[in-house]
């Protein structure tokens, strides 16, 4: 495959699940075991660039013709875990969400109705043959959904401002190096059992304090998704390309997981004032990120 443009795509964040090789049936397990030994594994930026390149074709290709055989790899205490890209499946799912995000005229200009209809028909036929399919990766644009922060704790936060290639990097890094410069990273990683436990606790606190809330609905959705994976998996919340759109001072001071945890604990104990303060900090921080979307 030809080398793709080094242009940085700055707007996507990710929630990923890395499953141990034992969770995959053969022959997929052997494929990932061999893949994990590669030294030239592509980065999340390369995945985004491939998708954007397809959209520039005439007519545009909103979903790859073939499913990706790439994955992210992490070595967790000597256990190889992989997070398959499943770009085709995620493309179909993202396409279904576009009508609610773009005005009809803009959507028709980017993806003509005939292309969308054909792609939807392809997905329906594929899903009939693969009813249990689910992605290992969830993506958000110009934000990190607050429900994602419930899964992790501030102690699991890892921030690196970037540096020379090879500096403080490990087998689990999914960031890329561009032009010899180490890419900054802001991420959280937690065992699946911890993520599930936090979802359950968070849901109980929210349901006890609130009659209804979009955050409750979001947590229910994320919790159901996590149940699809091996209990010894790793969950990763990665700011992804947002680290390129935000200044280092913003990233260094971003402790959103701590704020979310404080807000939920305040709701559990009935302290509405503290919960409101935590929410205000979150709203102000992520309003700054959304403002950059409008300016882009």
Foldseek 3Di string as FASTA:
>chain_A
DDDFDLDFDFWKWKKFKWAFLVQDDPPLSVLVVVQLPDPDAAFPRVVVRVQVVQLPDVPRDQADPDFDSGWAWDQDVNTITTFGQRRRVVSLVVLVVVPVPDPPVVCCVSHNPVRSVVSNVVVVVVCVVVVPDDHRMDMDTLDDPLLVLLQFALVQWDWDCWAFPPPPDDSRDRDDDGPGTGHIWIKGKDQLVSSLVSLVLLLVLCVVQDVDDVSNVVSVVVNVVSVSGDNRMMIMTISRSNSVVDDPVLRVPDRLSHLSVQLSVCSNVVNVVSNVVSVVVVVVSSVVSVVSVVVD
